[in-house]
Amino acid sequence: MVSDGQDVQMATSPCDVSEPNDGILETIMGLRGLDISQESLFDFELPPGSTEWPLSPYGPQSPHLQYAKGRKPTRDKRCSAIASPARPVKARKPKRSTSAKRKAEPRQDHGPLPPRDEPLHLLNLPGELRDIIYDILCLRKDQLYAQLRPTLQRKGRHLRKVIRRHPTEPILALVNKQLRCEVLSVFYTANSFVFRRSNEALLETYNMTNPIYLARFMTPATCFLRKVELKFEAKGMLGIPFHFSYKLQKSQAEVVTISHDLAKTYCSCLEDNAVAQTLAERNRSGVGNNLVGLAALISTQRQNKLDGVAYKDRLEGGLYKLPTARCVLCHRANLTHVGAGM
């Protein structure tokens, strides 16, 4: 007995290219046990070639070759990838020759080019011309107030406080040693510096009449200073605040003179003694003719004398209050309050 699958395979096999037999539908239906009436049969015949396989059964165009799926790669045995063809390497451009460049040639209608001059350096100029340039860069019309200003400077992950001197020196002094000597000599010689107590709250700690900060401001370049003014606070008989100053000057012959401008109506015995003692001790203390060092020495002398004859009045901002209204030596009126270095 032939199965249904065998009947279908015989009818649809690509190898069977003969014409279908008459009544094949009846044979198939009879094998399946079905009864088909005559009215249900088709009254037409199949066209020739309708039962042939549309494609060649074998060869590269066979369907079972086109739609076959490849084997999936396993973990233990992986198929090696097909090496892709190497990309062509671009040819590198040849380097330009290091030969000397050709000089620009003038056009025929412009004539020859003038020869270029050699660069002119500042230190090659005459000393008179350099002094004129330094005067333009360093000379100030007004007095310069000396200060020590705290600034924050980053060092790694931390910030540190650095004390810088003001006014700042000209940047030209940072080029080399010769320019530094020439520029700073003009900067400190031609300008007048004032040392006083600042009214700013941030700079009040760095009092420039304090001998400690005066000595900190002193550098080897300050030996060129010719004019220094040291100002102190004071209050008269009516309680009106004012300033009087010490003026320190140094001549071309290195002769130092110190004077003060306190009014003659007030006693100046303390100020005169401070000046005389400073001039007497300048060589012994090692200050010499440096005006900043002399200003620090004057401030120290005044501080020592005021500590012996007066006391600090905290209500007046730390000014010293003199105990008597008149001096016992010159019989002139004393200042009610006077400032010291610290």
C-alpha atoms as a PDB file:
ATOM      1  CA  MET A   1       0.000   0.000   0.000  1.00  0.00           C
ATOM      2  CA  VAL A   2       1.354   3.344  -0.994  1.00  0.00           C
ATOM      3  CA  SER A   3       1.273   6.209   1.551  1.00  0.00           C
ATOM      4  CA  ASP A   4      -0.055   9.670   0.959  1.00  0.00           C
ATOM      5  CA  GLY A   5       3.406  11.202   1.142  1.00  0.00           C
ATOM      6  CA  GLN A   6       4.655   8.886  -1.577  1.00  0.00           C
ATOM      7  CA  ASP A   7       1.724   9.872  -3.835  1.00  0.00           C
ATOM      8  CA  VAL A   8       2.496  13.541  -3.439  1.00  0.00           C
ATOM      9  CA  GLN A   9       6.220  12.991  -4.020  1.00  0.00           C
ATOM     10  CA  MET A  10       5.548  11.062  -7.227  1.00  0.00           C
ATOM     11  CA  ALA A  11       3.230  13.718  -8.503  1.00  0.00           C
ATOM     12  CA  THR A  12       5.508  16.678  -7.682  1.00  0.00           C
ATOM     13  CA  SER A  13       8.952  15.210  -8.189  1.00  0.00           C
ATOM     14  CA  PRO A  14      11.169  17.414 -10.348  1.00  0.00           C
ATOM     15  CA  CYS A  15      12.455  14.300 -12.160  1.00  0.00           C
ATOM     16  CA  ASP A  16       8.976  13.378 -13.470  1.00  0.00           C
ATOM     17  CA  VAL A  17       8.645  15.481 -16.593  1.00  0.00           C
ATOM     18  CA  SER A  18       5.981  13.295 -18.381  1.00  0.00           C
ATOM     19  CA  GLU A  19       2.420  14.442 -19.000  1.00  0.00           C
ATOM     20  CA  PRO A  20      -0.100  13.830 -16.147  1.00  0.00           C
ATOM     21  CA  ASN A  21      -2.463  10.844 -16.657  1.00  0.00           C
ATOM     22  CA  ASP A  22      -6.220  11.253 -17.129  1.00  0.00           C
ATOM     23  CA  GLY A  23      -8.218  10.824 -14.003  1.00  0.00           C
ATOM     24  CA  ILE A  24      -5.276  11.369 -11.633  1.00  0.00           C
ATOM     25  CA  LEU A  25      -7.520  13.350  -9.298  1.00  0.00           C
ATOM     26  CA  GLU A  26      -9.903  10.421  -9.079  1.00  0.00           C
ATOM     27  CA  THR A  27      -7.061   8.054  -8.290  1.00  0.00           C
ATOM     28  CA  ILE A  28      -5.759  10.259  -5.487  1.00  0.00           C
ATOM     29  CA  MET A  29      -9.176  10.792  -4.001  1.00  0.00           C
ATOM     30  CA  GLY A  30      -9.895   7.084  -4.231  1.00  0.00           C
ATOM     31  CA  LEU A  31      -6.737   6.215  -2.335  1.00  0.00           C
ATOM     32  CA  ARG A  32      -7.832   8.598   0.400  1.00  0.00           C
ATOM     33  CA  GLY A  33     -11.284   7.013   0.559  1.00  0.00           C
ATOM     34  CA  LEU A  34     -13.118  10.004  -0.759  1.00  0.00           C
ATOM     35  CA  ASP A  35     -15.960  10.052  -3.252  1.00  0.00           C
ATOM     36  CA  ILE A  36     -16.056  12.867  -5.744  1.00  0.00           C
ATOM     37  CA  SER A  37     -19.013  13.480  -7.946  1.00  0.00           C
ATOM     38  CA  GLN A  38     -18.634  14.065 -11.647  1.00  0.00           C
ATOM     39  CA  GLU A  39     -19.858  17.629 -11.289  1.00  0.00           C
ATOM     40  CA  SER A  40     -16.899  18.580  -9.118  1.00  0.00           C
ATOM     41  CA  LEU A  41     -14.282  17.604 -11.699  1.00  0.00           C
ATOM     42  CA  PHE A  42     -12.557  20.308 -13.663  1.00  0.00           C
ATOM     43  CA  ASP A  43     -13.485  20.438 -17.327  1.00  0.00           C
ATOM     44  CA  PHE A  44     -10.081  21.721 -18.468  1.00  0.00           C
ATOM     45  CA  GLU A  45      -6.681  20.168 -18.874  1.00  0.00           C
ATOM     46  CA  LEU A  46      -3.458  21.417 -17.310  1.00  0.00           C
ATOM     47  CA  PRO A  47      -1.255  23.424 -19.662  1.00  0.00           C
ATOM     48  CA  PRO A  48       1.901  21.706 -20.877  1.00  0.00           C
ATOM     49  CA  GLY A  49       4.956  22.272 -18.657  1.00  0.00           C
ATOM     50  CA  SER A  50       2.969  23.266 -15.566  1.00  0.00           C
ATOM     51  CA  THR A  51       4.242  20.266 -13.618  1.00  0.00           C
ATOM     52  CA  GLU A  52       7.886  20.889 -14.406  1.00  0.00           C
ATOM     53  CA  TRP A  53      10.265  22.248 -11.690  1.00  0.00           C
ATOM     54  CA  PRO A  54      10.773  25.953 -12.379  1.00  0.00           C
ATOM     55  CA  LEU A  55      14.509  25.881 -11.662  1.00  0.00           C
ATOM     56  CA  SER A  56      17.318  23.506 -12.369  1.00  0.00           C
ATOM     57  CA  PRO A  57      17.455  20.877  -9.612  1.00  0.00           C
ATOM     58  CA  TYR A  58      21.253  21.041  -9.235  1.00  0.00           C
ATOM     59  CA  GLY A  59      23.997  23.556  -9.774  1.00  0.00           C
ATOM     60  CA  PRO A  60      24.875  26.956  -8.262  1.00  0.00           C
ATOM     61  CA  GLN A  61      21.297  28.240  -8.779  1.00  0.00           C
ATOM     62  CA  SER A  62      19.703  25.477  -6.697  1.00  0.00           C
ATOM     63  CA  PRO A  63      17.406  26.825  -3.943  1.00  0.00           C
ATOM     64  CA  HIS A  64      18.851  24.556  -1.254  1.00  0.00           C
ATOM     65  CA  LEU A  65      22.246  26.206  -1.841  1.00  0.00           C
ATOM     66  CA  GLN A  66      20.904  29.753  -1.774  1.00  0.00           C
ATOM     67  CA  TYR A  67      18.873  29.558   1.428  1.00  0.00           C
ATOM     68  CA  ALA A  68      21.032  27.186   3.442  1.00  0.00           C
ATOM     69  CA  LYS A  69      22.170  28.570   6.819  1.00  0.00           C
ATOM     70  CA  GLY A  70      25.733  28.153   7.898  1.00  0.00           C
ATOM     71  CA  ARG A  71      26.788  26.462  11.109  1.00  0.00           C
ATOM     72  CA  LYS A  72      26.937  28.651  14.163  1.00  0.00           C
ATOM     73  CA  PRO A  73      30.432  28.946  15.650  1.00  0.00           C
ATOM     74  CA  THR A  74      30.908  27.389  19.080  1.00  0.00           C
ATOM     75  CA  ARG A  75      33.000  28.727  21.939  1.00  0.00           C
ATOM     76  CA  ASP A  76      35.622  26.016  21.762  1.00  0.00           C
ATOM     77  CA  LYS A  77      36.003  26.055  18.001  1.00  0.00           C
ATOM     78  CA  ARG A  78      35.721  29.434  16.395  1.00  0.00           C
ATOM     79  CA  CYS A  79      36.106  29.954  12.707  1.00  0.00           C
ATOM     80  CA  SER A  80      39.009  32.231  11.923  1.00  0.00           C
ATOM     81  CA  ALA A  81      37.983  35.425  10.191  1.00  0.00           C
ATOM     82  CA  ILE A  82      38.988  35.807   6.635  1.00  0.00           C
ATOM     83  CA  ALA A  83      41.831  38.263   6.455  1.00  0.00           C
ATOM     84  CA  SER A  84      40.811  41.411   4.661  1.00  0.00           C
ATOM     85  CA  PRO A  85      43.120  42.596   1.955  1.00  0.00           C
ATOM     86  CA  ALA A  86      45.653  45.193   3.103  1.00  0.00           C
ATOM     87  CA  ARG A  87      44.824  48.788   2.337  1.00  0.00           C
ATOM     88  CA  PRO A  88      47.203  50.488   0.004  1.00  0.00           C
ATOM     89  CA  VAL A  89      49.648  52.802   1.812  1.00  0.00           C
ATOM     90  CA  LYS A  90      49.626  56.370   0.654  1.00  0.00           C
ATOM     91  CA  ALA A  91      52.888  57.575  -0.638  1.00  0.00           C
ATOM     92  CA  ARG A  92      54.437  60.187   1.669  1.00  0.00           C
ATOM     93  CA  LYS A  93      55.290  63.533   0.304  1.00  0.00           C
ATOM     94  CA  PRO A  94      59.007  64.102   0.050  1.00  0.00           C
ATOM     95  CA  LYS A  95      60.436  66.528   2.620  1.00  0.00           C
ATOM     96  CA  ARG A  96      61.507  69.893   1.483  1.00  0.00           C
ATOM     97  CA  SER A  97      65.174  70.326   1.085  1.00  0.00           C
ATOM     98  CA  THR A  98      66.945  72.216   3.885  1.00  0.00           C
ATOM     99  CA  SER A  99      68.955  74.256   1.498  1.00  0.00           C
ATOM    100  CA  ALA A 100      69.140  77.982   2.075  1.00  0.00           C
ATOM    101  CA  LYS A 101      66.185  79.966   0.823  1.00  0.00           C
ATOM    102  CA  ARG A 102      66.738  82.226  -2.075  1.00  0.00           C
ATOM    103  CA  LYS A 103      66.777  85.866  -1.183  1.00  0.00           C
ATOM    104  CA  ALA A 104      64.074  88.073  -2.546  1.00  0.00           C
ATOM    105  CA  GLU A 105      65.190  89.653  -5.750  1.00  0.00           C
ATOM    106  CA  PRO A 106      63.939  93.126  -6.656  1.00  0.00           C
ATOM    107  CA  ARG A 107      61.866  93.685  -9.702  1.00  0.00           C
ATOM    108  CA  GLN A 108      63.500  95.304 -12.644  1.00  0.00           C
ATOM    109  CA  ASP A 109      61.458  98.484 -12.324  1.00  0.00           C
ATOM    110  CA  HIS A 110      62.099  99.061  -8.575  1.00  0.00           C
ATOM    111  CA  GLY A 111      65.853  99.022  -8.383  1.00  0.00           C
ATOM    112  CA  PRO A 112      68.033  97.326  -5.738  1.00  0.00           C
ATOM    113  CA  LEU A 113      66.789  96.845  -2.159  1.00  0.00           C
ATOM    114  CA  PRO A 114      68.532  98.870   0.551  1.00  0.00           C
ATOM    115  CA  PRO A 115      70.605  96.740   2.972  1.00  0.00           C
ATOM    116  CA  ARG A 116      68.893  95.954   6.282  1.00  0.00           C
ATOM    117  CA  ASP A 117      70.464  97.449   9.409  1.00  0.00           C
ATOM    118  CA  GLU A 118      71.527  95.232  12.288  1.00  0.00           C
ATOM    119  CA  PRO A 119      69.184  95.162  15.340  1.00  0.00           C
ATOM    120  CA  LEU A 120      69.801  97.963  17.806  1.00  0.00           C
ATOM    121  CA  HIS A 121      70.091  96.887  21.462  1.00  0.00           C
ATOM    122  CA  LEU A 122      69.238  99.133  24.393  1.00  0.00           C
ATOM    123  CA  LEU A 123      72.569  98.604  26.111  1.00  0.00           C
ATOM    124  CA  ASN A 124      74.402  99.653  22.936  1.00  0.00           C
ATOM    125  CA  LEU A 125      72.935 103.151  23.159  1.00  0.00           C
ATOM    126  CA  PRO A 126      74.942 105.956  24.762  1.00  0.00           C
ATOM    127  CA  GLY A 127      74.465 106.448  28.486  1.00  0.00           C
ATOM    128  CA  GLU A 128      72.780 109.821  27.986  1.00  0.00           C
ATOM    129  CA  LEU A 129      70.063 108.300  25.793  1.00  0.00           C
ATOM    130  CA  ARG A 130      69.532 105.446  28.240  1.00  0.00           C
ATOM    131  CA  ASP A 131      69.083 107.931  31.095  1.00  0.00           C
ATOM    132  CA  ILE A 132      66.390 109.755  29.111  1.00  0.00           C
ATOM    133  CA  ILE A 133      64.562 106.454  28.560  1.00  0.00           C
ATOM    134  CA  TYR A 134      64.851 105.558  32.252  1.00  0.00           C
ATOM    135  CA  ASP A 135      63.462 108.958  33.262  1.00  0.00           C
ATOM    136  CA  ILE A 136      60.390 108.378  31.090  1.00  0.00           C
ATOM    137  CA  LEU A 137      59.807 104.921  32.592  1.00  0.00           C
ATOM    138  CA  CYS A 138      60.668 105.552  36.245  1.00  0.00           C
ATOM    139  CA  LEU A 139      60.019 109.192  37.115  1.00  0.00           C
ATOM    140  CA  ARG A 140      56.778 109.936  39.031  1.00  0.00           C
ATOM    141  CA  LYS A 141      55.295 113.384  39.552  1.00  0.00           C
ATOM    142  CA  ASP A 142      53.715 112.644  42.947  1.00  0.00           C
ATOM    143  CA  GLN A 143      55.174 111.131  46.072  1.00  0.00           C
ATOM    144  CA  LEU A 144      55.215 107.335  46.318  1.00  0.00           C
ATOM    145  CA  TYR A 145      53.707 105.789  49.451  1.00  0.00           C
ATOM    146  CA  ALA A 146      55.728 102.772  50.509  1.00  0.00           C
ATOM    147  CA  GLN A 147      53.642  99.774  51.582  1.00  0.00           C
ATOM    148  CA  LEU A 148      53.865  96.081  52.356  1.00  0.00           C
ATOM    149  CA  ARG A 149      50.791  94.343  50.953  1.00  0.00           C
ATOM    150  CA  PRO A 150      49.772  90.755  51.753  1.00  0.00           C
ATOM    151  CA  THR A 151      48.774  88.660  48.743  1.00  0.00           C
ATOM    152  CA  LEU A 152      47.729  85.012  48.391  1.00  0.00           C
ATOM    153  CA  GLN A 153      49.840  82.811  46.161  1.00  0.00           C
ATOM    154  CA  ARG A 154      48.887  79.254  45.168  1.00  0.00           C
ATOM    155  CA  LYS A 155      51.490  76.562  45.808  1.00  0.00           C
ATOM    156  CA  GLY A 156      50.185  73.178  44.732  1.00  0.00           C
ATOM    157  CA  ARG A 157      46.854  72.613  46.492  1.00  0.00           C
ATOM    158  CA  HIS A 158      47.496  75.177  49.208  1.00  0.00           C
ATOM    159  CA  LEU A 159      47.466  78.969  49.413  1.00  0.00           C
ATOM    160  CA  ARG A 160      50.221  80.857  51.159  1.00  0.00           C
ATOM    161  CA  LYS A 161      50.421  84.513  52.127  1.00  0.00           C
ATOM    162  CA  VAL A 162      53.223  86.483  50.516  1.00  0.00           C
ATOM    163  CA  ILE A 163      54.198  90.027  51.502  1.00  0.00           C
ATOM    164  CA  ARG A 164      55.055  92.187  48.492  1.00  0.00           C
ATOM    165  CA  ARG A 165      56.674  95.608  48.408  1.00  0.00           C
ATOM    166  CA  HIS A 166      54.871  98.548  46.819  1.00  0.00           C
ATOM    167  CA  PRO A 167      55.268 100.531  44.703  1.00  0.00           C
ATOM    168  CA  THR A 168      56.477  97.806  42.403  1.00  0.00           C
ATOM    169  CA  GLU A 169      59.775  98.263  40.644  1.00  0.00           C
ATOM    170  CA  PRO A 170      59.814  98.752  36.833  1.00  0.00           C
ATOM    171  CA  ILE A 171      59.657  95.516  34.852  1.00  0.00           C
ATOM    172  CA  LEU A 172      62.691  96.583  32.833  1.00  0.00           C
ATOM    173  CA  ALA A 173      64.776  95.907  35.948  1.00  0.00           C
ATOM    174  CA  LEU A 174      64.104  92.156  35.560  1.00  0.00           C
ATOM    175  CA  VAL A 175      65.954  91.801  32.235  1.00  0.00           C
ATOM    176  CA  ASN A 176      69.538  91.463  33.467  1.00  0.00           C
ATOM    177  CA  LYS A 177      71.884  92.690  36.192  1.00  0.00           C
ATOM    178  CA  GLN A 178      73.163  95.726  34.319  1.00  0.00           C
ATOM    179  CA  LEU A 179      69.680  97.008  33.503  1.00  0.00           C
ATOM    180  CA  ARG A 180      68.550  96.322  37.065  1.00  0.00           C
ATOM    181  CA  CYS A 181      71.344  98.435  38.476  1.00  0.00           C
ATOM    182  CA  GLU A 182      70.756 101.289  36.031  1.00  0.00           C
ATOM    183  CA  VAL A 183      66.945 101.309  36.244  1.00  0.00           C
ATOM    184  CA  LEU A 184      66.680 101.024  40.034  1.00  0.00           C
ATOM    185  CA  SER A 185      69.289 103.723  40.555  1.00  0.00           C
ATOM    186  CA  VAL A 186      67.060 106.139  38.628  1.00  0.00           C
ATOM    187  CA  PHE A 187      63.825 104.826  40.183  1.00  0.00           C
ATOM    188  CA  TYR A 188      64.952 105.314  43.792  1.00  0.00           C
ATOM    189  CA  THR A 189      67.042 108.429  43.221  1.00  0.00           C
ATOM    190  CA  ALA A 190      64.511 110.522  41.287  1.00  0.00           C
ATOM    191  CA  ASN A 191      61.391 109.700  43.343  1.00  0.00           C
ATOM    192  CA  SER A 192      60.374 110.721  46.848  1.00  0.00           C
ATOM    193  CA  PHE A 193      59.091 107.954  49.163  1.00  0.00           C
ATOM    194  CA  VAL A 194      56.718 108.476  52.088  1.00  0.00           C
ATOM    195  CA  PHE A 195      56.408 106.068  55.043  1.00  0.00           C
ATOM    196  CA  ARG A 196      53.286 106.477  57.153  1.00  0.00           C
ATOM    197  CA  ARG A 197      50.563 104.549  58.911  1.00  0.00           C
ATOM    198  CA  SER A 198      47.865 103.434  56.485  1.00  0.00           C
ATOM    199  CA  ASN A 199      44.207 104.192  57.154  1.00  0.00           C
ATOM    200  CA  GLU A 200      43.093 101.023  55.357  1.00  0.00           C
ATOM    201  CA  ALA A 201      41.899  98.265  57.681  1.00  0.00           C
ATOM    202  CA  LEU A 202      43.688  95.597  55.638  1.00  0.00           C
ATOM    203  CA  LEU A 203      47.025  97.423  55.790  1.00  0.00           C
ATOM    204  CA  GLU A 204      46.707  98.735  59.348  1.00  0.00           C
ATOM    205  CA  THR A 205      48.640  95.733  60.649  1.00  0.00           C
ATOM    206  CA  TYR A 206      51.568  96.538  58.348  1.00  0.00           C
ATOM    207  CA  ASN A 207      52.321  99.940  59.838  1.00  0.00           C
ATOM    208  CA  MET A 208      55.125 101.522  57.790  1.00  0.00           C
ATOM    209  CA  THR A 209      56.304 103.577  60.776  1.00  0.00           C
ATOM    210  CA  ASN A 210      57.029 100.344  62.632  1.00  0.00           C
ATOM    211  CA  PRO A 211      60.791  99.626  62.740  1.00  0.00           C
ATOM    212  CA  ILE A 212      60.160  95.954  61.944  1.00  0.00           C
ATOM    213  CA  TYR A 213      58.372  96.673  58.651  1.00  0.00           C
ATOM    214  CA  LEU A 214      60.731  99.506  57.775  1.00  0.00           C
ATOM    215  CA  ALA A 215      63.654  97.090  58.029  1.00  0.00           C
ATOM    216  CA  ARG A 216      61.701  94.572  55.941  1.00  0.00           C
ATOM    217  CA  PHE A 217      61.207  97.141  53.186  1.00  0.00           C
ATOM    218  CA  MET A 218      64.942  97.824  53.034  1.00  0.00           C
ATOM    219  CA  THR A 219      66.800  96.118  50.155  1.00  0.00           C
ATOM    220  CA  PRO A 220      70.224  96.650  48.565  1.00  0.00           C
ATOM    221  CA  ALA A 221      68.537  98.853  45.949  1.00  0.00           C
ATOM    222  CA  THR A 222      67.159 101.272  48.561  1.00  0.00           C
ATOM    223  CA  CYS A 223      70.682 102.619  49.055  1.00  0.00           C
ATOM    224  CA  PHE A 224      69.942 104.826  46.006  1.00  0.00           C
ATOM    225  CA  LEU A 225      67.173 106.685  47.864  1.00  0.00           C
ATOM    226  CA  ARG A 226      67.690 110.441  48.107  1.00  0.00           C
ATOM    227  CA  LYS A 227      64.414 111.646  49.631  1.00  0.00           C
ATOM    228  CA  VAL A 228      62.462 109.871  52.386  1.00  0.00           C
ATOM    229  CA  GLU A 229      59.653 111.260  54.509  1.00  0.00           C
ATOM    230  CA  LEU A 230      58.500 109.616  57.756  1.00  0.00           C
ATOM    231  CA  LYS A 231      55.074 110.792  58.957  1.00  0.00           C
ATOM    232  CA  PHE A 232      53.559 110.441  62.441  1.00  0.00           C
ATOM    233  CA  GLU A 233      50.090 111.226  63.792  1.00  0.00           C
ATOM    234  CA  ALA A 234      49.507 113.816  66.503  1.00  0.00           C
ATOM    235  CA  LYS A 235      46.805 115.889  68.218  1.00  0.00           C
ATOM    236  CA  GLY A 236      47.167 119.484  69.386  1.00  0.00           C
ATOM    237  CA  MET A 237      45.648 121.418  72.253  1.00  0.00           C
ATOM    238  CA  LEU A 238      42.214 121.587  70.620  1.00  0.00           C
ATOM    239  CA  GLY A 239      42.202 117.853  69.859  1.00  0.00           C
ATOM    240  CA  ILE A 240      42.494 118.369  66.093  1.00  0.00           C
ATOM    241  CA  PRO A 241      44.450 115.506  64.444  1.00  0.00           C
ATOM    242  CA  PHE A 242      47.295 116.315  62.071  1.00  0.00           C
ATOM    243  CA  HIS A 243      50.586 114.847  60.818  1.00  0.00           C
ATOM    244  CA  PHE A 244      54.159 115.984  61.248  1.00  0.00           C
ATOM    245  CA  SER A 245      57.026 114.398  59.363  1.00  0.00           C
ATOM    246  CA  TYR A 246      60.732 113.707  59.458  1.00  0.00           C
ATOM    247  CA  LYS A 247      62.518 114.510  56.222  1.00  0.00           C
ATOM    248  CA  LEU A 248      65.628 112.520  55.412  1.00  0.00           C
ATOM    249  CA  GLN A 249      67.736 113.666  52.464  1.00  0.00           C
ATOM    250  CA  LYS A 250      71.029 112.518  51.000  1.00  0.00           C
ATOM    251  CA  SER A 251      73.136 114.714  48.740  1.00  0.00           C
ATOM    252  CA  GLN A 252      75.330 113.688  45.830  1.00  0.00           C
ATOM    253  CA  ALA A 253      78.294 113.715  48.217  1.00  0.00           C
ATOM    254  CA  GLU A 254      76.527 111.088  50.427  1.00  0.00           C
ATOM    255  CA  VAL A 255      75.866 113.624  53.197  1.00  0.00           C
ATOM    256  CA  VAL A 256      72.693 112.808  55.179  1.00  0.00           C
ATOM    257  CA  THR A 257      70.506 115.491  56.782  1.00  0.00           C
ATOM    258  CA  ILE A 258      67.484 114.815  59.028  1.00  0.00           C
ATOM    259  CA  SER A 259      64.902 117.448  60.013  1.00  0.00           C
ATOM    260  CA  HIS A 260      61.290 117.604  61.215  1.00  0.00           C
ATOM    261  CA  ASP A 261      58.511 120.095  60.544  1.00  0.00           C
ATOM    262  CA  LEU A 262      56.761 120.102  63.933  1.00  0.00           C
ATOM    263  CA  ALA A 263      55.389 123.562  64.637  1.00  0.00           C
ATOM    264  CA  LYS A 264      57.517 125.746  66.888  1.00  0.00           C
ATOM    265  CA  THR A 265      54.541 126.407  69.140  1.00  0.00           C
ATOM    266  CA  TYR A 266      54.864 122.850  70.473  1.00  0.00           C
ATOM    267  CA  CYS A 267      57.697 121.229  72.374  1.00  0.00           C
ATOM    268  CA  SER A 268      60.143 119.443  70.086  1.00  0.00           C
ATOM    269  CA  CYS A 269      62.647 118.213  72.650  1.00  0.00           C
ATOM    270  CA  LEU A 270      61.762 114.563  72.066  1.00  0.00           C
ATOM    271  CA  GLU A 271      62.037 114.918  68.283  1.00  0.00           C
ATOM    272  CA  ASP A 272      65.378 116.764  68.456  1.00  0.00           C
ATOM    273  CA  ASN A 273      66.857 114.132  70.761  1.00  0.00           C
ATOM    274  CA  ALA A 274      65.706 111.330  68.429  1.00  0.00           C
ATOM    275  CA  VAL A 275      67.412 113.003  65.438  1.00  0.00           C
ATOM    276  CA  ALA A 276      70.678 113.612  67.290  1.00  0.00           C
ATOM    277  CA  GLN A 277      70.846 110.099  68.672  1.00  0.00           C
ATOM    278  CA  THR A 278      70.080 108.561  65.253  1.00  0.00           C
ATOM    279  CA  LEU A 279      72.910 110.443  63.550  1.00  0.00           C
ATOM    280  CA  ALA A 280      75.270 109.415  66.325  1.00  0.00           C
ATOM    281  CA  GLU A 281      74.414 105.705  66.179  1.00  0.00           C
ATOM    282  CA  ARG A 282      74.008 105.159  62.434  1.00  0.00           C
ATOM    283  CA  ASN A 283      77.557 103.906  61.901  1.00  0.00           C
ATOM    284  CA  ARG A 284      77.564 101.766  65.033  1.00  0.00           C
ATOM    285  CA  SER A 285      74.250 100.123  64.127  1.00  0.00           C
ATOM    286  CA  GLY A 286      75.458  99.248  60.617  1.00  0.00           C
ATOM    287  CA  VAL A 287      72.768 101.290  58.840  1.00  0.00           C
ATOM    288  CA  GLY A 288      75.188 103.685  57.186  1.00  0.00           C
ATOM    289  CA  ASN A 289      73.622 106.107  54.708  1.00  0.00           C
ATOM    290  CA  ASN A 290      70.617 103.957  53.784  1.00  0.00           C
ATOM    291  CA  LEU A 291      67.667 106.282  54.376  1.00  0.00           C
ATOM    292  CA  VAL A 292      65.205 103.459  55.026  1.00  0.00           C
ATOM    293  CA  GLY A 293      67.473 102.070  57.722  1.00  0.00           C
ATOM    294  CA  LEU A 294      67.812 105.534  59.248  1.00  0.00           C
ATOM    295  CA  ALA A 295      64.024 105.922  59.260  1.00  0.00           C
ATOM    296  CA  ALA A 296      63.724 102.618  61.134  1.00  0.00           C
ATOM    297  CA  LEU A 297      66.335 103.819  63.631  1.00  0.00           C
ATOM    298  CA  ILE A 298      64.444 107.092  64.224  1.00  0.00           C
ATOM    299  CA  SER A 299      61.229 105.180  64.837  1.00  0.00           C
ATOM    300  CA  THR A 300      62.988 102.958  67.375  1.00  0.00           C
ATOM    301  CA  GLN A 301      64.454 105.958  69.237  1.00  0.00           C
ATOM    302  CA  ARG A 302      61.068 107.703  69.462  1.00  0.00           C
ATOM    303  CA  GLN A 303      59.386 104.504  70.615  1.00  0.00           C
ATOM    304  CA  ASN A 304      61.869 104.030  73.462  1.00  0.00           C
ATOM    305  CA  LYS A 305      61.565 107.647  74.614  1.00  0.00           C
ATOM    306  CA  LEU A 306      57.744 107.674  74.554  1.00  0.00           C
ATOM    307  CA  ASP A 307      57.588 104.445  76.535  1.00  0.00           C
ATOM    308  CA  GLY A 308      59.523 106.219  79.309  1.00  0.00           C
ATOM    309  CA  VAL A 309      57.533 109.468  79.566  1.00  0.00           C
ATOM    310  CA  ALA A 310      53.998 108.690  78.258  1.00  0.00           C
ATOM    311  CA  TYR A 311      51.396 105.935  78.138  1.00  0.00           C
ATOM    312  CA  LYS A 312      49.171 104.534  75.403  1.00  0.00           C
ATOM    313  CA  ASP A 313      45.594 105.738  75.218  1.00  0.00           C
ATOM    314  CA  ARG A 314      43.468 102.909  73.830  1.00  0.00           C
ATOM    315  CA  LEU A 315      40.553 105.255  73.254  1.00  0.00           C
ATOM    316  CA  GLU A 316      42.660 107.324  70.847  1.00  0.00           C
ATOM    317  CA  GLY A 317      43.752 104.457  68.603  1.00  0.00           C
ATOM    318  CA  GLY A 318      46.938 103.623  70.492  1.00  0.00           C
ATOM    319  CA  LEU A 319      48.392 107.149  70.490  1.00  0.00           C
ATOM    320  CA  TYR A 320      50.630 108.150  73.391  1.00  0.00           C
ATOM    321  CA  LYS A 321      49.260 110.699  75.861  1.00  0.00           C
ATOM    322  CA  LEU A 322      51.791 113.030  77.475  1.00  0.00           C
ATOM    323  CA  PRO A 323      51.272 113.529  81.236  1.00  0.00           C
ATOM    324  CA  THR A 324      51.929 117.292  81.405  1.00  0.00           C
ATOM    325  CA  ALA A 325      50.568 120.175  79.368  1.00  0.00           C
ATOM    326  CA  ARG A 326      53.980 121.905  79.090  1.00  0.00           C
ATOM    327  CA  CYS A 327      57.568 120.757  78.776  1.00  0.00           C
ATOM    328  CA  VAL A 328      59.710 121.202  81.882  1.00  0.00           C
ATOM    329  CA  LEU A 329      62.791 122.043  79.748  1.00  0.00           C
ATOM    330  CA  CYS A 330      61.603 124.490  77.051  1.00  0.00           C
ATOM    331  CA  HIS A 331      58.306 125.458  78.754  1.00  0.00           C
ATOM    332  CA  ARG A 332      56.397 125.158  75.502  1.00  0.00           C
ATOM    333  CA  ALA A 333      53.087 123.345  75.118  1.00  0.00           C
ATOM    334  CA  ASN A 334      53.158 119.589  74.686  1.00  0.00           C
ATOM    335  CA  LEU A 335      51.086 117.670  72.200  1.00  0.00           C
ATOM    336  CA  THR A 336      48.083 116.060  73.849  1.00  0.00           C
ATOM    337  CA  HIS A 337      48.557 112.834  71.850  1.00  0.00           C
ATOM    338  CA  VAL A 338      51.384 111.704  69.609  1.00  0.00           C
ATOM    339  CA  GLY A 339      51.935 108.585  67.546  1.00  0.00           C
ATOM    340  CA  ALA A 340      54.917 106.261  67.711  1.00  0.00           C
ATOM    341  CA  GLY A 341      56.321 103.610  65.444  1.00  0.00           C
ATOM    342  CA  MET A 342      54.402 100.632  66.837  1.00  0.00           C
END
